[in-house]
Protein backbone atom coordinates (compact mmCIF):
# COMPACT_ATOMS: atom_id res chain seq x y z
CA MET A 1 -77.25 -52.83 2.87
CA CYS A 2 -75.16 -50.04 1.25
CA ALA A 3 -75.70 -49.33 -2.41
CA ALA A 4 -72.70 -49.85 -4.70
CA VAL A 5 -70.86 -46.68 -5.60
CA GLN A 6 -71.20 -45.94 -9.30
CA THR A 7 -67.93 -45.26 -11.11
CA LEU A 8 -67.05 -43.78 -14.47
CA VAL A 9 -64.12 -44.44 -16.82
CA CYS A 10 -62.00 -41.34 -16.29
CA VAL A 11 -58.54 -39.94 -17.03
CA LYS A 12 -56.85 -39.92 -13.61
CA GLN A 13 -53.70 -38.15 -14.72
CA VAL A 14 -51.37 -37.69 -17.69
CA LYS A 15 -47.68 -38.51 -17.81
CA GLN A 16 -46.78 -35.24 -19.52
CA ASP A 17 -45.96 -33.06 -16.49
CA VAL A 18 -45.50 -29.76 -18.33
CA ALA A 19 -49.03 -28.37 -17.96
CA GLU A 20 -48.14 -25.31 -20.05
CA GLU A 21 -48.04 -27.62 -23.08
CA TRP A 22 -51.48 -29.13 -22.49
CA ASP A 23 -54.40 -28.00 -24.65
CA GLU A 24 -58.08 -28.79 -25.02
CA THR A 25 -57.52 -31.22 -27.91
CA MET A 26 -55.69 -33.62 -25.56
CA PRO A 27 -57.08 -36.07 -22.96
CA LEU A 28 -57.02 -34.17 -19.67
CA PRO A 29 -57.39 -35.26 -16.02
CA GLY A 30 -61.09 -35.53 -15.21
CA ASP A 31 -62.22 -36.37 -18.77
CA ILE A 32 -64.99 -39.00 -18.60
CA ILE A 33 -64.47 -41.48 -21.45
CA GLU A 34 -67.85 -42.44 -22.92
CA GLY A 35 -66.66 -44.33 -25.96
CA PHE A 36 -64.37 -44.55 -28.96
CA TYR A 37 -64.45 -45.00 -32.74
CA ASN A 38 -61.62 -46.95 -34.40
CA CYS A 39 -61.43 -45.05 -37.66
CA GLU A 40 -58.90 -42.42 -38.78
CA SER A 41 -61.36 -40.52 -40.99
CA ASP A 42 -63.01 -37.30 -39.92
CA ILE A 43 -66.45 -38.91 -40.09
CA HIS A 44 -67.20 -39.58 -36.45
CA ALA A 45 -70.97 -39.56 -35.93
CA ASP A 46 -72.23 -40.72 -32.53
CA GLU A 47 -73.69 -43.97 -33.90
CA PHE A 48 -70.18 -45.19 -34.79
CA PHE A 49 -68.82 -44.90 -31.26
CA VAL A 50 -68.42 -48.01 -29.10
CA PRO A 51 -69.49 -47.28 -25.49
CA THR A 52 -67.27 -48.23 -22.58
CA LYS A 53 -68.31 -48.86 -18.97
CA ALA A 54 -65.11 -49.82 -17.10
CA LYS A 55 -61.34 -49.41 -17.26
CA SER A 56 -60.71 -53.13 -17.81
CA GLU A 57 -63.26 -53.21 -20.65
CA LEU A 58 -61.66 -50.19 -22.33
CA SER A 59 -58.16 -51.70 -22.02
CA SER A 60 -59.39 -54.93 -23.64
CA GLN A 61 -61.02 -52.99 -26.48
CA LEU A 62 -57.88 -50.91 -27.04
CA ALA A 63 -55.82 -54.12 -27.18
CA LYS A 64 -57.94 -55.33 -30.11
CA ILE A 65 -57.49 -52.02 -31.90
CA ASN A 66 -53.73 -52.18 -31.33
CA SER A 67 -53.57 -55.67 -32.85
CA GLN A 68 -55.23 -54.25 -36.00
CA HIS A 69 -52.39 -51.68 -36.31
CA ILE A 70 -54.81 -48.75 -36.34
CA GLU A 71 -52.75 -45.66 -35.56
CA VAL A 72 -55.38 -43.04 -34.72
CA ILE A 73 -58.81 -43.36 -33.09
CA TRP A 74 -61.53 -40.94 -31.99
CA VAL A 75 -62.36 -40.83 -28.28
CA LYS A 76 -65.60 -39.30 -26.99
CA VAL A 77 -65.19 -37.63 -23.59
CA ARG A 78 -67.46 -35.62 -21.33
CA ARG A 79 -65.77 -32.52 -19.97
CA GLY A 80 -68.06 -30.43 -17.79
CA ASP A 81 -71.28 -29.86 -19.71
CA ALA A 82 -69.61 -30.41 -23.08
CA THR A 83 -69.01 -33.57 -25.06
CA LEU A 84 -65.80 -33.59 -27.09
CA LYS A 85 -64.33 -35.92 -29.68
CA LEU A 86 -60.54 -36.16 -29.45
CA ARG A 87 -58.02 -37.73 -31.80
CA ALA A 88 -55.82 -40.15 -29.88
CA CYS A 89 -53.40 -43.06 -30.33
CA VAL A 90 -53.43 -46.43 -28.59
CA VAL A 91 -50.36 -47.11 -26.43
CA VAL A 92 -49.17 -49.80 -24.06
CA GLU A 93 -49.36 -48.21 -20.61
CA ARG A 94 -47.69 -51.02 -18.65
CA PRO A 95 -45.78 -53.55 -20.79
CA SER A 96 -45.68 -56.95 -19.09
CA MET A 97 -45.05 -60.53 -20.20
CA LEU A 98 -48.18 -61.71 -18.35
CA GLN A 99 -50.66 -58.92 -19.07
CA ARG A 100 -50.45 -55.71 -21.03
CA LYS A 101 -52.46 -52.63 -20.05
CA TYR A 102 -53.51 -50.34 -22.86
CA SER A 103 -54.30 -46.65 -22.74
CA ILE A 104 -54.47 -43.62 -25.03
CA ARG A 105 -52.23 -40.66 -25.70
CA ALA A 106 -52.68 -37.34 -27.45
CA ALA A 107 -52.28 -37.64 -31.21
CA THR A 108 -50.12 -34.49 -31.22
CA ASP A 109 -47.72 -35.31 -28.35
CA ASP A 110 -46.05 -38.68 -27.73
CA ARG A 111 -45.40 -37.74 -24.09
CA HIS A 112 -49.06 -37.03 -23.28
CA VAL A 113 -50.16 -40.52 -22.15
CA ALA A 114 -53.41 -40.82 -20.16
CA VAL A 115 -53.60 -42.91 -16.98
CA ILE A 116 -57.16 -44.27 -16.88
CA GLY A 117 -59.13 -45.36 -13.82
CA ASP A 118 -62.62 -46.06 -12.49
CA LEU A 119 -63.53 -42.95 -10.48
CA THR A 120 -66.66 -41.53 -8.88
CA SER A 121 -68.46 -38.57 -10.42
CA ASP A 122 -67.18 -36.28 -7.64
CA GLU A 123 -63.59 -37.37 -8.24
CA CYS A 124 -63.95 -36.68 -11.96
CA THR A 125 -65.42 -33.23 -11.26
CA GLU A 126 -62.54 -32.35 -8.93
CA LEU A 127 -59.96 -33.36 -11.53
CA GLN A 128 -61.78 -31.38 -14.23
CA GLU A 129 -61.64 -28.25 -12.07
CA MET A 130 -57.87 -28.73 -11.75
CA SER A 131 -57.47 -29.19 -15.50
CA ARG A 132 -59.63 -26.14 -16.21
CA SER A 133 -57.36 -23.97 -14.06
CA LEU A 134 -54.27 -25.24 -15.89
CA VAL A 135 -55.66 -25.14 -19.42
CA ASN A 136 -57.38 -21.78 -19.71
CA VAL A 137 -57.22 -20.90 -23.38
CA GLU A 138 -58.52 -17.34 -22.94
CA ASN A 139 -55.92 -16.36 -20.37
CA ARG A 140 -53.02 -18.43 -21.62
CA GLY A 141 -52.73 -16.83 -25.05
CA TYR A 142 -51.66 -18.56 -28.24
CA HIS A 143 -50.24 -22.08 -28.34
CA LYS A 144 -46.46 -22.16 -28.13
CA LYS A 145 -44.01 -24.58 -29.67
CA GLY A 146 -40.25 -25.05 -29.55
CA VAL A 147 -38.07 -23.66 -32.32
CA LYS A 148 -34.41 -24.30 -33.07
CA TYR A 149 -31.90 -21.62 -32.11
CA ASP A 150 -28.26 -21.41 -33.14
CA TRP A 151 -26.81 -20.81 -29.66
CA LYS A 152 -23.20 -21.29 -30.72
CA MET A 153 -23.44 -18.69 -33.47
CA LYS A 154 -25.33 -16.18 -31.28
CA VAL A 155 -22.83 -16.46 -28.43
CA SER A 156 -19.94 -16.05 -30.86
CA LYS A 157 -21.54 -13.04 -32.58
CA TYR A 158 -23.08 -11.15 -29.68
CA LEU A 159 -20.62 -12.09 -26.93
CA PRO A 160 -17.20 -11.89 -28.62
CA ASP A 161 -15.61 -13.15 -25.42
CA HIS A 162 -17.66 -16.29 -24.78
CA ARG A 163 -16.38 -16.47 -21.19
CA CYS A 164 -17.79 -13.02 -20.41
CA THR A 165 -21.32 -13.41 -18.99
CA VAL A 166 -21.94 -9.62 -18.92
CA VAL A 167 -23.63 -9.86 -15.50
CA SER A 168 -22.18 -10.92 -12.11
CA SER A 169 -23.69 -11.56 -8.69
CA ILE A 170 -22.81 -11.81 -5.00
CA LEU A 171 -24.83 -13.69 -2.37
CA PHE A 172 -25.31 -12.28 1.14
CA MET A 173 -26.16 -14.81 3.82
CA PRO A 174 -27.95 -13.63 7.00
CA MET A 175 -25.65 -12.97 9.92
CA GLN A 176 -26.31 -14.07 13.49
CA GLY A 177 -29.37 -12.24 14.77
CA GLU A 178 -30.75 -11.37 11.32
CA HIS A 179 -34.17 -13.00 11.28
CA CYS A 180 -35.72 -11.09 8.40
CA THR A 181 -34.68 -10.35 4.85
CA GLU A 182 -34.78 -6.58 5.42
CA ALA A 183 -31.64 -6.67 7.59
CA THR A 184 -29.72 -8.76 5.05
CA THR A 185 -30.94 -6.56 2.21
CA ALA A 186 -29.70 -3.47 4.07
CA ARG A 187 -26.19 -4.98 4.34
CA CYS A 188 -26.31 -5.99 0.68
CA MET A 189 -27.12 -2.46 -0.45
CA ALA A 190 -24.55 -1.02 1.97
CA TRP A 191 -21.88 -3.14 0.28
CA PHE A 192 -23.03 -1.99 -3.16
CA SER A 193 -23.16 1.68 -2.14
CA ALA A 194 -19.71 1.47 -0.54
CA ALA A 195 -18.28 -0.12 -3.69
CA ILE A 196 -19.77 2.66 -5.84
CA SER A 197 -18.55 5.36 -3.47
CA SER A 198 -15.02 3.97 -3.55
CA GLY A 199 -14.98 4.39 -7.35
CA ALA A 200 -15.97 0.95 -8.65
CA PRO A 201 -18.14 1.47 -11.77
CA LEU A 202 -20.68 -1.23 -10.90
CA VAL A 203 -24.14 -1.08 -12.49
CA PHE A 204 -27.15 -2.32 -10.51
CA VAL A 205 -29.24 -5.00 -12.29
CA ASN A 206 -31.50 -6.79 -9.80
CA ILE A 207 -31.88 -8.12 -6.27
CA GLN A 208 -33.61 -11.33 -5.17
CA THR A 209 -34.08 -13.64 -2.21
CA GLU A 210 -32.38 -17.05 -2.33
CA GLN A 211 -32.96 -19.96 0.02
CA ILE A 212 -29.84 -21.67 1.30
CA VAL A 213 -29.06 -24.69 3.47
CA THR A 214 -26.24 -24.29 5.98
CA SER A 215 -24.78 -26.91 8.30
CA GLU A 216 -23.23 -26.53 11.73
CA LYS A 217 -20.02 -25.54 9.94
CA THR A 218 -21.92 -23.04 7.76
CA ASN A 219 -21.14 -24.86 4.53
CA LEU A 220 -23.10 -23.48 1.56
CA THR A 221 -24.95 -26.21 -0.35
CA GLY A 222 -27.26 -24.18 -2.54
CA LYS A 223 -30.40 -26.27 -1.81
CA GLU A 224 -33.65 -24.31 -2.03
CA MET A 225 -36.01 -24.58 0.94
CA SER A 226 -38.05 -22.33 3.25
CA TRP A 227 -36.91 -19.73 5.83
CA SER A 228 -35.96 -20.58 9.43
CA LYS A 229 -36.68 -24.32 9.27
CA GLN A 230 -34.37 -26.88 10.91
CA GLN A 231 -33.82 -30.61 10.55
CA GLN A 232 -31.45 -33.15 12.09
CA ASN A 233 -29.38 -35.33 9.75
CA HIS A 234 -26.88 -37.80 11.21
CA ALA A 235 -26.30 -35.64 14.33
CA THR A 236 -25.50 -32.57 12.22
CA THR A 237 -27.76 -29.58 12.65
CA VAL A 238 -28.94 -28.26 9.31
CA GLN A 239 -30.44 -24.78 9.16
CA ILE A 240 -32.34 -23.38 6.22
CA VAL A 241 -31.95 -19.63 5.82
CA GLN A 242 -32.86 -17.02 3.25
CA GLY A 243 -30.14 -14.91 1.70
CA ILE A 244 -30.08 -12.00 -0.71
CA ARG A 245 -28.43 -12.19 -4.14
CA LEU A 246 -27.38 -8.95 -5.79
CA TRP A 247 -26.99 -8.93 -9.57
CA PHE A 248 -24.83 -6.25 -11.15
CA MET A 249 -22.79 -5.48 -14.25
CA PRO A 250 -19.03 -5.15 -13.75
CA GLY A 251 -18.97 -1.72 -15.32
CA VAL A 252 -20.97 -0.46 -18.29
CA ALA A 253 -18.74 -2.81 -20.28
CA GLU A 254 -15.76 -5.09 -19.77
CA VAL A 255 -12.61 -4.12 -21.67
CA SER A 256 -10.48 -7.11 -22.60
CA LEU A 257 -6.73 -6.53 -22.91
CA ASP A 258 -3.92 -8.90 -23.85
CA LEU A 259 -0.67 -8.23 -21.99
CA VAL A 260 2.16 -9.54 -24.19
CA PRO A 261 5.70 -9.64 -22.72
CA GLN A 262 8.82 -9.05 -24.78
CA THR A 263 12.20 -10.73 -24.43
CA GLY A 264 14.00 -9.58 -21.31
CA GLU A 265 10.93 -8.25 -19.47
CA VAL A 266 10.45 -9.62 -15.97
CA ARG A 267 7.19 -7.86 -15.02
CA PHE A 268 3.88 -7.10 -16.69
CA GLY A 269 4.14 -3.72 -15.01
CA LEU A 270 0.92 -3.43 -13.01
CA ASP A 271 0.42 -3.23 -9.25
CA ILE A 272 -2.78 -4.55 -7.73
CA LYS A 273 -4.55 -3.92 -4.45
CA ARG A 274 -7.86 -5.09 -3.00
CA THR A 275 -10.61 -2.77 -1.80
CA GLU A 276 -12.54 -3.31 1.44
CA GLU A 277 -15.43 -4.66 -0.62
CA GLY A 278 -13.24 -7.43 -2.06
CA LEU A 279 -12.67 -5.93 -5.52
CA LEU A 280 -9.23 -5.99 -7.14
CA CYS A 281 -8.05 -2.75 -8.73
CA ILE A 282 -4.94 -1.57 -10.56
CA TYR A 283 -3.33 1.36 -8.73
CA SER A 284 -0.21 1.85 -10.83
CA VAL A 285 1.14 0.96 -14.29
CA ALA A 286 4.83 1.06 -15.22
CA LYS A 287 5.73 3.06 -18.35
CA GLY A 288 6.92 0.97 -21.28
CA SER A 289 5.68 -2.28 -19.71
CA PRO A 290 3.38 -4.90 -21.32
CA ALA A 291 0.51 -3.39 -19.32
CA ASP A 292 1.35 0.07 -20.68
CA ARG A 293 1.52 -1.19 -24.27
CA ALA A 294 -1.88 -2.88 -23.83
CA GLY A 295 -3.42 0.49 -22.96
CA LEU A 296 -3.72 0.17 -19.19
CA SER A 297 -1.81 3.40 -18.50
CA LYS A 298 -4.32 5.50 -20.45
CA LEU A 299 -7.26 3.71 -18.87
CA HIS A 300 -5.74 4.15 -15.41
CA GLU A 301 -5.13 7.87 -15.91
CA GLU A 302 -8.63 8.50 -17.24
CA ALA A 303 -10.28 6.43 -14.49
CA TYR A 304 -8.57 8.34 -11.68
CA ALA A 305 -9.15 11.69 -13.41
CA ASN A 306 -12.90 10.95 -13.38
CA GLY A 307 -13.03 9.59 -9.83
CA TYR A 308 -13.11 5.90 -10.72
CA LEU A 309 -10.99 2.92 -9.77
CA LEU A 310 -9.59 0.74 -12.57
CA VAL A 311 -11.18 -2.50 -11.35
CA MET A 312 -10.21 -5.92 -12.69
CA SER A 313 -13.21 -8.11 -13.46
CA ARG A 314 -11.56 -11.20 -14.97
CA LEU A 315 -8.15 -12.78 -15.31
CA GLU A 316 -7.70 -15.41 -18.02
CA GLY A 317 -11.47 -15.48 -18.39
CA LYS A 318 -12.06 -16.36 -14.74
CA SER A 319 -14.17 -14.00 -12.63
CA LEU A 320 -12.43 -11.93 -9.97
CA MET A 321 -15.72 -10.83 -8.35
CA PRO A 322 -16.46 -11.68 -4.70
CA SER A 323 -18.74 -14.74 -4.53
CA HIS A 324 -20.61 -14.33 -1.22
CA ALA A 325 -20.65 -12.92 2.30
CA ASP A 326 -21.06 -15.68 4.90
CA ILE A 327 -23.02 -15.71 8.16
CA SER A 328 -20.00 -14.44 10.09
CA GLY A 329 -19.78 -11.40 7.82
CA LEU A 330 -16.66 -12.45 5.91
CA ILE A 331 -16.59 -11.53 2.22
CA HIS A 332 -15.33 -14.45 0.14
CA CYS A 333 -13.21 -13.02 -2.64
CA CYS A 334 -10.26 -14.08 -4.78
CA ASP A 335 -6.97 -14.69 -2.99
CA HIS A 336 -4.79 -11.64 -3.65
CA THR A 337 -1.62 -13.72 -3.44
CA GLU A 338 -2.90 -16.35 -5.87
CA ILE A 339 -3.71 -13.64 -8.43
CA LYS A 340 -0.18 -12.24 -8.16
CA ASP A 341 1.31 -15.73 -8.46
CA THR A 342 -0.70 -16.34 -11.64
CA ILE A 343 0.65 -13.13 -13.17
CA VAL A 344 4.23 -13.88 -12.08
CA SER A 345 4.01 -17.43 -13.46
CA ALA A 346 2.90 -16.10 -16.86
CA ILE A 347 5.77 -13.59 -17.10
CA ASP A 348 8.30 -16.24 -16.00
CA GLN A 349 7.19 -18.40 -18.92
CA MET A 350 6.97 -15.41 -21.28
CA GLU A 351 3.30 -16.08 -21.92
CA ARG A 352 0.67 -13.48 -22.73
CA ILE A 353 -2.14 -13.00 -20.22
CA GLN A 354 -5.69 -11.80 -20.78
CA LEU A 355 -7.18 -9.26 -18.42
CA HIS A 356 -10.67 -7.70 -18.24
CA VAL A 357 -11.22 -4.33 -16.57
CA MET A 358 -14.45 -2.46 -15.88
CA ALA A 359 -15.35 0.47 -18.11
CA TRP A 360 -17.34 3.45 -16.82
CA SER A 361 -19.98 5.69 -18.35
CA ASN A 362 -18.87 8.57 -20.59
CA GLN A 363 -15.46 7.04 -21.09
CA VAL A 364 -13.75 9.39 -23.59
CA ARG A 365 -10.37 7.75 -24.03
CA PRO A 366 -10.97 4.20 -25.29
CA THR A 367 -7.93 2.08 -25.92
CA SER A 368 -6.96 1.55 -29.54
CA THR A 369 -4.53 -1.33 -29.30
CA PRO A 370 -5.10 -4.35 -31.59
CA ASN A 371 -5.31 -6.65 -28.57
CA THR A 372 -8.24 -4.82 -26.99
CA THR A 373 -11.95 -5.64 -27.29
CA THR A 374 -15.01 -4.47 -25.39
CA VAL A 375 -18.14 -6.34 -24.40
CA GLY A 376 -20.87 -5.31 -21.99
CA SER A 377 -24.13 -3.53 -21.48
CA THR A 378 -23.69 -1.38 -24.59
CA MET A 379 -24.42 -4.54 -26.58
CA LEU A 380 -27.72 -4.93 -24.76
CA ARG A 381 -29.11 -1.53 -25.71
CA PRO A 382 -31.56 -1.20 -28.63
CA ARG A 383 -30.42 0.61 -31.73
CA PRO A 384 -31.54 4.26 -31.94
CA LEU A 385 -34.44 4.96 -34.30
């Protein structure tokens, strides 16, 4: 006849999933509950503790404490070779009209509710090893807590144009036959190098892999999964691939200009073309036009004198950067015709239009018009000592 397996009252898990916020003063998975003391005072000698032998017995005892409206109790737990006394609160784990189950939670965190069970010694030890790896006080550093932050004020103060994110990105999906990230990365950097060589004042920030789900029609869904895995879903082949996302700054700064038409003007006075890399640049500015009055002529002259293109980064706050290169190699960028139609529509209605262009390093002729502001990487640099 087999001997009965001995079990211990143990914390099976906690309902607070953010392990970074756990600490050793809280009930942790693997803690063996040996007893409790229903007093809020700091006097908690061993002789005051009531022993507990099973989950059902502990739940019944906690129910009595709850009916006495005692807010805080002391719980004695065995964790490894140490015995600890933790402050905890009694909570209803599973509210039910027929039977209520009671448990404990950390006194310092309402979310940290313990799920208690009858487990074997080996199961408790395994859970304690897991908890020890997650709550390592020596390696984790000091305890952290949330503090309030005035996001609205900071955005308004440090990003004068709240629609300007300072950084941009473009995603490169692997083309047919590219079965490793190196090939996609090479194309990504070729695009960036070609854009720089053409005169676009882009500033490299970072590069990263990004997992993407594509269907038979190569529709981008943005779901994150692993490389080269396939699954069938309602007769549609779904392929999971790994792309490369390039982060860059659209110039060392973005110069914001307001183009304001005057009565009788029928054009803003700027001509736009698109580069092979999908960037929109200004290649001519008419004298005496709204674009000229906004300072675009001076910027255009200086850019071309220094070997740069005058690249548009935003129109009416909306990004003009290419979004991604698909698996067929097509670069998805803003429709040139739609941009022109937006500009024409504004001049037809005699409305001002806001335009952002990319600034370059060592720019010596900044615009001085009242409708011009600058935001960009210069705001991210520390002040000189």
